Amino acid sequence: MGIHTSLVKKRVRNRVTRLIIDFYYTNKSGERVRFVRYAELQTRDGAEREAARYHERAILTGDSEPEERSTMTLSSFYESVFKPKVLPLYRKNTRIRYEALWRQRVEREFGEKRLDEIDEGSFRGFARAIELEKRKAKGPVAFLRTLLREAIQQGIIETAPRVPPGVIKDAKKLPGAPTLAEVEYLILNASGWLRLALALGVYAGLRSGEIRALRVGDIDLDCGVIRIVRTLSEDEEEEPKGEKERTVPVVPQLAEILGPAIKGKAPEGRVILTSRGTTPRRQHVLGKLVDLQRRLGTRRTWSVHALRHAFCSHLVRIGIGVEAVRALAGHSSIRVTNRYVHATGADLQGAMERGFRRAAGD
């Protein structure tokens, strides 16, 4: 059997290009199935030879890796495949979260189980055990699902059980958001880089990582725009979430704060810098914001991300279309944007009054 160049394709994840083996074959049950996995050798020639071996085995036997599929445990898959080949493709924040979920929950519950032993009942029992501890099951269950999906992509298993309905529960409560007046009160009482960070969050809707990664050259006050082209995941620069750059107009309130802060600074310099000239870490920004709110005695302690909620909610409240808000915030869909829109009692009352207002003389 010759070399099958069409069996090898390129896959780009987070700007990292990897060669994958990708082909269809007919299994022992007569079903057309797909074989996908990252090539062991990341050279075109080596990947093609490896692909040819898997393809020949699948065509002759109807099973590309029968022995490995029947014996591989989740721990073996995590250590030999997922951790070295897949995990590095995720953002740093995600890598840290996944490694913690593996150590704290998933390894203990499923590490010694074979991949083909994990079924719908496994998901249900796993979630129930976590909930009995008064903890949220969504993260660990979703990570287990991710592992099984990657096992399919690597060609180690053909199918994975679905997560039973209701096991991963969507939040019923809308995330909270401060009012524009509350945030402006915080900005008024903040100083230095924290004041800048708060203004970028509420007046431009930037995420925490985007605020910390913003460079002076990304801001054009003459044209009145900010280009969001990067974010920080822990200390690593990445493309913005969703790998989509966007442009946000600079409103007068933000220009008033940004102008003096970036004047005379080099374009490549970061906008948010501590007194030591370093970029504050995510927890540092949050800690400073919490300290400020405690000092002021605010009614509630808000997170940095809540400023973004306030940005989206305020725009919708004053009549900006949800699609425009989605584009400004860099959301992947309207459904995501709707999670950030907060309707107060006054909003609902006003909507009803406008919708059913009697015409003069009625």
Protein backbone atom coordinates (compact mmCIF):
# COMPACT_ATOMS: atom_id res chain seq x y z
CA MET A 1 0.00 0.00 0.00
CA GLY A 2 1.39 3.42 -0.97
CA ILE A 3 1.56 6.68 0.86
CA HIS A 4 -1.82 8.39 1.25
CA THR A 5 -1.06 12.12 1.33
CA SER A 6 -4.79 12.94 1.58
CA LEU A 7 -4.91 11.17 4.97
CA VAL A 8 -2.87 13.96 6.63
CA LYS A 9 -4.29 17.42 7.23
CA LYS A 10 -3.30 20.55 9.10
CA ARG A 11 -5.17 21.77 12.17
CA VAL A 12 -4.62 25.20 13.74
CA ARG A 13 -5.55 25.75 17.37
CA ASN A 14 -4.60 28.94 19.20
CA ARG A 15 -2.18 29.75 16.39
CA VAL A 16 -0.38 26.39 16.77
CA THR A 17 -0.35 24.27 13.60
CA ARG A 18 -0.38 20.49 14.05
CA LEU A 19 -0.58 17.62 11.57
CA ILE A 20 -3.51 15.28 12.07
CA ILE A 21 -4.40 11.92 10.57
CA ASP A 22 -7.97 12.08 9.32
CA PHE A 23 -9.81 9.46 7.25
CA TYR A 24 -13.01 7.42 7.07
CA TYR A 25 -13.25 3.64 6.98
CA THR A 26 -15.83 0.89 7.37
CA ASN A 27 -15.74 -0.77 10.79
CA LYS A 28 -16.59 -4.38 11.69
CA SER A 29 -20.28 -3.51 12.01
CA GLY A 30 -20.38 -2.19 8.46
CA GLU A 31 -20.65 1.45 9.60
CA ARG A 32 -18.71 4.27 8.03
CA VAL A 33 -16.68 5.86 10.85
CA ARG A 34 -14.03 8.52 11.13
CA PHE A 35 -10.48 8.11 12.44
CA VAL A 36 -8.84 11.32 13.70
CA ARG A 37 -5.75 11.76 15.82
CA TYR A 38 -2.65 13.95 16.04
CA ALA A 39 0.32 12.43 14.27
CA GLU A 40 3.10 11.19 16.53
CA LEU A 41 5.71 12.65 14.17
CA GLN A 42 5.01 16.25 13.28
CA THR A 43 6.76 16.12 9.92
CA ARG A 44 4.90 15.65 6.67
CA ASP A 45 6.79 12.50 5.67
CA GLY A 46 6.54 10.91 9.13
CA ALA A 47 2.84 11.75 9.48
CA GLU A 48 2.05 10.29 6.07
CA ARG A 49 3.81 7.00 6.88
CA GLU A 50 1.97 6.78 10.21
CA ALA A 51 -1.34 7.55 8.49
CA ALA A 52 -0.74 4.80 5.95
CA ARG A 53 -0.22 2.23 8.73
CA TYR A 54 -3.45 3.19 10.50
CA HIS A 55 -5.36 3.30 7.23
CA GLU A 56 -4.13 -0.11 6.10
CA ARG A 57 -5.00 -1.67 9.47
CA ALA A 58 -8.47 -0.11 9.40
CA ILE A 59 -9.16 -1.28 5.83
CA LEU A 60 -7.96 -4.85 6.47
CA THR A 61 -9.45 -5.41 9.94
CA GLY A 62 -12.22 -2.83 10.30
CA ASP A 63 -10.49 -1.64 13.49
CA SER A 64 -7.60 0.83 13.50
CA GLU A 65 -6.38 0.19 17.08
CA PRO A 66 -8.24 -2.79 18.54
CA GLU A 67 -5.88 -3.62 21.39
CA GLU A 68 -5.37 -0.04 22.58
CA ARG A 69 -9.07 0.74 22.42
CA SER A 70 -10.05 -2.18 24.62
CA THR A 71 -7.48 -1.62 27.37
CA MET A 72 -6.64 2.10 27.65
CA THR A 73 -7.68 3.66 30.96
CA LEU A 74 -8.57 7.31 31.37
CA SER A 75 -5.34 7.89 33.35
CA SER A 76 -3.28 6.32 30.58
CA PHE A 77 -5.05 8.47 27.98
CA TYR A 78 -4.58 11.64 30.05
CA GLU A 79 -0.85 11.05 30.72
CA SER A 80 0.19 9.68 27.34
CA VAL A 81 -2.07 11.56 24.95
CA PHE A 82 -4.11 14.44 26.38
CA LYS A 83 -1.49 16.07 28.60
CA PRO A 84 1.44 16.09 26.12
CA LYS A 85 -0.47 16.53 22.85
CA VAL A 86 -3.77 18.29 23.51
CA LEU A 87 -3.44 20.32 26.71
CA PRO A 88 -0.68 22.61 25.32
CA LEU A 89 -3.10 23.80 22.62
CA TYR A 90 -5.39 25.47 25.19
CA ARG A 91 -4.95 28.91 26.74
CA LYS A 92 -2.90 29.01 29.93
CA ASN A 93 -5.91 29.75 32.16
CA THR A 94 -7.68 26.73 30.70
CA ARG A 95 -4.63 24.51 31.10
CA ILE A 96 -4.37 25.41 34.77
CA ARG A 97 -8.09 24.79 35.32
CA TYR A 98 -8.04 21.43 33.52
CA GLU A 99 -4.99 20.21 35.45
CA ALA A 100 -6.69 21.17 38.72
CA LEU A 101 -9.93 19.39 37.75
CA TRP A 102 -7.96 16.28 36.84
CA ARG A 103 -6.06 16.17 40.13
CA GLN A 104 -8.93 17.15 42.40
CA ARG A 105 -11.83 15.09 41.01
CA VAL A 106 -11.65 13.31 37.69
CA GLU A 107 -8.53 11.19 38.25
CA ARG A 108 -9.83 9.90 41.57
CA GLU A 109 -13.23 8.94 40.17
CA PHE A 110 -12.33 7.63 36.71
CA GLY A 111 -8.55 7.29 36.43
CA GLU A 112 -8.54 3.47 36.53
CA LYS A 113 -11.64 3.05 34.37
CA ARG A 114 -11.25 2.01 30.76
CA LEU A 115 -12.44 4.63 28.29
CA ASP A 116 -15.12 2.31 26.95
CA GLU A 117 -16.48 1.70 30.48
CA ILE A 118 -17.54 5.30 31.02
CA ASP A 119 -21.24 5.60 30.16
CA GLU A 120 -24.22 7.88 30.79
CA GLY A 121 -24.70 6.41 34.26
CA SER A 122 -21.10 7.36 35.06
CA PHE A 123 -21.83 11.00 34.27
CA ARG A 124 -25.01 10.97 36.33
CA GLY A 125 -23.40 9.36 39.38
CA PHE A 126 -20.38 11.66 39.16
CA ALA A 127 -22.56 14.78 39.13
CA ARG A 128 -24.70 13.51 41.98
CA ALA A 129 -21.68 12.78 44.19
CA ILE A 130 -20.35 16.32 43.66
CA GLU A 131 -23.71 17.93 44.36
CA LEU A 132 -24.01 16.00 47.63
CA GLU A 133 -20.86 17.83 48.72
CA LYS A 134 -22.67 21.13 48.01
CA ARG A 135 -20.35 21.81 45.08
CA LYS A 136 -21.06 22.61 41.44
CA ALA A 137 -20.76 19.63 39.09
CA LYS A 138 -20.65 21.56 35.83
CA GLY A 139 -16.85 22.02 35.63
CA PRO A 140 -15.74 18.45 36.43
CA VAL A 141 -18.47 16.86 34.31
CA ALA A 142 -17.72 19.13 31.33
CA PHE A 143 -14.00 18.29 31.61
CA LEU A 144 -14.73 14.56 31.63
CA ARG A 145 -16.80 15.08 28.49
CA THR A 146 -13.90 17.00 26.94
CA LEU A 147 -11.51 14.11 27.64
CA LEU A 148 -13.81 11.59 25.98
CA ARG A 149 -14.36 13.83 22.97
CA GLU A 150 -10.61 14.20 22.55
CA ALA A 151 -10.27 10.41 22.78
CA ILE A 152 -12.61 10.21 19.78
CA GLN A 153 -10.57 12.84 17.92
CA GLN A 154 -7.42 10.82 18.59
CA GLY A 155 -9.08 7.70 17.18
CA ILE A 156 -8.86 5.75 20.46
CA ILE A 157 -12.62 5.31 20.86
CA GLU A 158 -15.29 5.58 18.20
CA THR A 159 -18.10 7.05 20.27
CA ALA A 160 -18.60 8.60 23.69
CA PRO A 161 -21.70 8.62 25.88
CA ARG A 162 -23.78 11.77 25.90
CA VAL A 163 -24.17 13.73 29.09
CA PRO A 164 -27.73 12.98 30.29
CA PRO A 165 -30.13 15.97 30.22
CA GLY A 166 -30.07 17.99 33.42
CA VAL A 167 -26.63 16.78 34.56
CA ILE A 168 -24.94 20.01 33.44
CA LYS A 169 -27.27 22.69 34.70
CA ASP A 170 -27.31 26.15 33.21
CA ALA A 171 -27.32 28.97 35.71
CA LYS A 172 -30.88 30.07 36.43
CA LYS A 173 -29.84 33.33 38.01
CA LEU A 174 -28.60 36.13 35.79
CA PRO A 175 -25.11 37.35 36.66
CA GLY A 176 -25.19 40.58 38.62
CA ALA A 177 -24.06 43.94 37.30
CA PRO A 178 -23.49 47.31 38.95
CA THR A 179 -25.26 50.35 37.59
CA LEU A 180 -23.36 52.91 35.56
CA ALA A 181 -23.64 55.34 38.49
CA GLU A 182 -22.08 52.80 40.85
CA VAL A 183 -19.12 52.19 38.57
CA GLU A 184 -18.59 55.89 37.95
CA TYR A 185 -18.51 56.37 41.72
CA LEU A 186 -15.72 53.77 41.91
CA ILE A 187 -13.82 55.47 39.08
CA LEU A 188 -14.15 58.83 40.81
CA ASN A 189 -12.55 57.41 43.96
CA ALA A 190 -9.91 55.25 42.27
CA SER A 191 -6.47 56.43 41.19
CA GLY A 192 -3.52 55.36 39.05
CA TRP A 193 -3.72 52.23 36.95
CA LEU A 194 -6.83 50.96 38.77
CA ARG A 195 -8.79 54.00 37.59
CA LEU A 196 -7.70 53.25 34.02
CA ALA A 197 -8.67 49.60 34.34
CA LEU A 198 -12.14 50.43 35.66
CA ALA A 199 -12.75 52.94 32.87
CA LEU A 200 -11.72 50.43 30.19
CA GLY A 201 -14.05 47.84 31.69
CA VAL A 202 -17.19 49.96 31.91
CA TYR A 203 -16.74 52.40 29.01
CA ALA A 204 -15.24 49.95 26.47
CA GLY A 205 -16.39 46.55 27.76
CA LEU A 206 -12.92 45.01 27.86
CA ARG A 207 -12.30 41.71 29.63
CA SER A 208 -9.72 41.60 32.42
CA GLY A 209 -7.11 39.96 30.20
CA GLU A 210 -7.76 42.48 27.42
CA ILE A 211 -7.38 45.38 29.85
CA ARG A 212 -4.02 44.10 31.09
CA ALA A 213 -2.75 43.30 27.56
CA LEU A 214 -3.75 46.64 26.01
CA ARG A 215 -0.83 48.58 24.49
CA VAL A 216 -0.59 52.32 23.88
CA GLY A 217 -0.40 51.72 20.12
CA ASP A 218 -3.79 49.99 20.24
CA ILE A 219 -5.42 53.31 21.13
CA ASP A 220 -6.04 55.99 18.49
CA LEU A 221 -7.61 58.98 20.20
CA ASP A 222 -7.48 61.04 16.98
CA CYS A 223 -9.77 58.51 15.29
CA GLY A 224 -11.50 57.75 18.58
CA VAL A 225 -11.06 53.96 18.61
CA ILE A 226 -9.44 51.16 20.58
CA ARG A 227 -8.33 48.02 18.74
CA ILE A 228 -8.56 44.87 20.88
CA VAL A 229 -6.05 42.52 19.29
CA ARG A 230 -4.70 40.54 22.25
CA THR A 231 -5.47 39.29 25.72
CA LEU A 232 -3.46 37.90 28.63
CA SER A 233 -4.10 34.37 29.83
CA GLU A 234 -2.21 34.45 33.12
CA ASP A 235 1.09 35.86 31.77
CA GLU A 236 0.83 34.59 28.18
CA GLU A 237 -0.35 36.80 25.32
CA GLU A 238 -3.12 35.27 23.22
CA GLU A 239 -5.59 36.38 20.60
CA PRO A 240 -8.83 37.74 22.10
CA LYS A 241 -11.40 35.19 23.23
CA GLY A 242 -12.97 33.59 20.20
CA GLU A 243 -9.80 34.55 18.27
CA LYS A 244 -11.58 37.65 16.94
CA GLU A 245 -10.10 41.12 16.90
CA ARG A 246 -12.54 43.99 17.33
CA THR A 247 -12.68 47.79 17.43
CA VAL A 248 -14.48 49.80 20.10
CA PRO A 249 -15.15 53.56 19.80
CA VAL A 250 -13.73 55.73 22.59
CA VAL A 251 -16.46 57.66 24.39
CA PRO A 252 -15.63 61.12 25.85
CA GLN A 253 -15.57 59.85 29.46
CA LEU A 254 -12.91 57.28 28.55
CA ALA A 255 -10.91 59.68 26.35
CA GLU A 256 -10.69 62.10 29.28
CA ILE A 257 -9.03 59.41 31.40
CA LEU A 258 -6.92 57.73 28.69
CA GLY A 259 -5.48 60.90 27.14
CA PRO A 260 -3.20 61.97 30.01
CA ALA A 261 -2.35 58.35 30.84
CA ILE A 262 -0.85 57.48 27.43
CA LYS A 263 0.56 60.86 26.44
CA GLY A 264 4.22 60.60 25.45
CA LYS A 265 4.40 56.83 25.98
CA ALA A 266 5.89 54.40 23.47
CA PRO A 267 3.33 52.59 21.28
CA GLU A 268 4.56 49.15 22.38
CA GLY A 269 4.18 49.98 26.08
CA ARG A 270 1.35 48.51 28.14
CA VAL A 271 -1.37 50.93 29.24
CA ILE A 272 -1.91 49.31 32.64
CA LEU A 273 1.35 49.27 34.62
CA THR A 274 2.06 49.21 38.34
CA SER A 275 4.40 51.64 40.07
CA ARG A 276 7.16 49.10 39.42
CA GLY A 277 6.52 49.21 35.70
CA THR A 278 5.03 45.71 35.56
CA THR A 279 1.68 44.46 34.29
CA PRO A 280 -0.56 43.55 37.23
CA ARG A 281 -1.78 39.96 37.38
CA ARG A 282 -5.50 39.20 37.21
CA GLN A 283 -5.79 38.59 40.96
CA HIS A 284 -3.88 41.82 41.66
CA VAL A 285 -6.47 43.84 39.71
CA LEU A 286 -9.34 42.08 41.47
CA GLY A 287 -7.72 42.56 44.88
CA LYS A 288 -7.30 46.30 44.31
CA LEU A 289 -10.93 46.62 43.19
CA VAL A 290 -12.20 44.71 46.22
CA ASP A 291 -10.08 46.86 48.57
CA LEU A 292 -11.51 50.02 47.00
CA GLN A 293 -15.09 48.84 47.43
CA ARG A 294 -14.52 47.85 51.06
CA ARG A 295 -12.99 51.24 51.77
CA LEU A 296 -15.99 52.99 50.21
CA GLY A 297 -18.52 50.68 51.89
CA THR A 298 -20.38 49.84 48.66
CA ARG A 299 -23.61 47.88 48.88
CA ARG A 300 -22.04 44.91 47.11
CA THR A 301 -18.56 43.79 46.11
CA TRP A 302 -18.27 43.53 42.32
CA SER A 303 -15.69 41.68 40.25
CA VAL A 304 -13.74 43.13 37.33
CA HIS A 305 -15.88 41.11 34.91
CA ALA A 306 -19.01 42.72 36.37
CA LEU A 307 -17.85 45.99 34.76
CA ARG A 308 -18.30 44.29 31.39
CA HIS A 309 -21.78 43.22 32.43
CA ALA A 310 -22.52 46.86 33.26
CA PHE A 311 -21.20 47.96 29.85
CA CYS A 312 -23.51 45.59 27.95
CA SER A 313 -26.52 46.20 30.18
CA HIS A 314 -26.23 49.99 29.97
CA LEU A 315 -26.05 49.98 26.16
CA VAL A 316 -29.16 47.80 25.86
CA ARG A 317 -30.98 49.90 28.47
CA ILE A 318 -30.50 53.10 26.45
CA GLY A 319 -31.81 51.45 23.30
CA ILE A 320 -28.72 50.08 21.52
CA GLY A 321 -29.56 46.93 19.54
CA VAL A 322 -28.36 43.63 20.97
CA GLU A 323 -26.49 42.79 17.75
CA ALA A 324 -24.46 46.02 18.04
CA VAL A 325 -23.71 45.22 21.69
CA ARG A 326 -22.62 41.72 20.67
CA ALA A 327 -20.13 43.16 18.16
CA LEU A 328 -18.76 45.72 20.62
CA ALA A 329 -18.32 43.11 23.34
CA GLY A 330 -16.81 40.51 21.01
CA HIS A 331 -19.36 37.82 21.86
CA SER A 332 -19.63 34.75 19.66
CA SER A 333 -23.44 34.88 19.53
CA ILE A 334 -26.51 36.83 20.59
CA ARG A 335 -27.22 34.08 23.11
CA VAL A 336 -24.02 34.99 24.97
CA THR A 337 -24.85 38.69 24.89
CA ASN A 338 -28.28 38.05 26.36
CA ARG A 339 -26.63 36.60 29.47
CA TYR A 340 -25.09 40.01 30.12
CA VAL A 341 -28.30 42.02 29.77
CA HIS A 342 -29.90 42.92 33.08
CA ALA A 343 -33.51 44.06 33.23
CA THR A 344 -34.41 45.87 36.44
CA GLY A 345 -37.90 46.37 37.82
CA ALA A 346 -37.83 49.94 36.56
CA ASP A 347 -36.84 48.74 33.07
CA LEU A 348 -39.76 46.32 32.96
CA GLN A 349 -42.22 48.92 34.22
CA GLY A 350 -41.00 51.43 31.64
CA ALA A 351 -41.28 48.86 28.84
CA MET A 352 -44.90 48.11 29.76
CA GLU A 353 -45.79 51.77 29.97
CA ARG A 354 -44.25 52.49 26.56
CA GLY A 355 -45.78 49.39 25.01
CA PHE A 356 -49.33 50.02 26.24
CA ARG A 357 -49.37 53.81 26.43
CA ARG A 358 -52.75 55.23 25.46
CA ALA A 359 -52.86 57.70 22.64
CA ALA A 360 -53.96 61.22 23.58
CA GLY A 361 -57.73 61.47 23.66
CA ASP A 362 -58.38 57.73 24.15
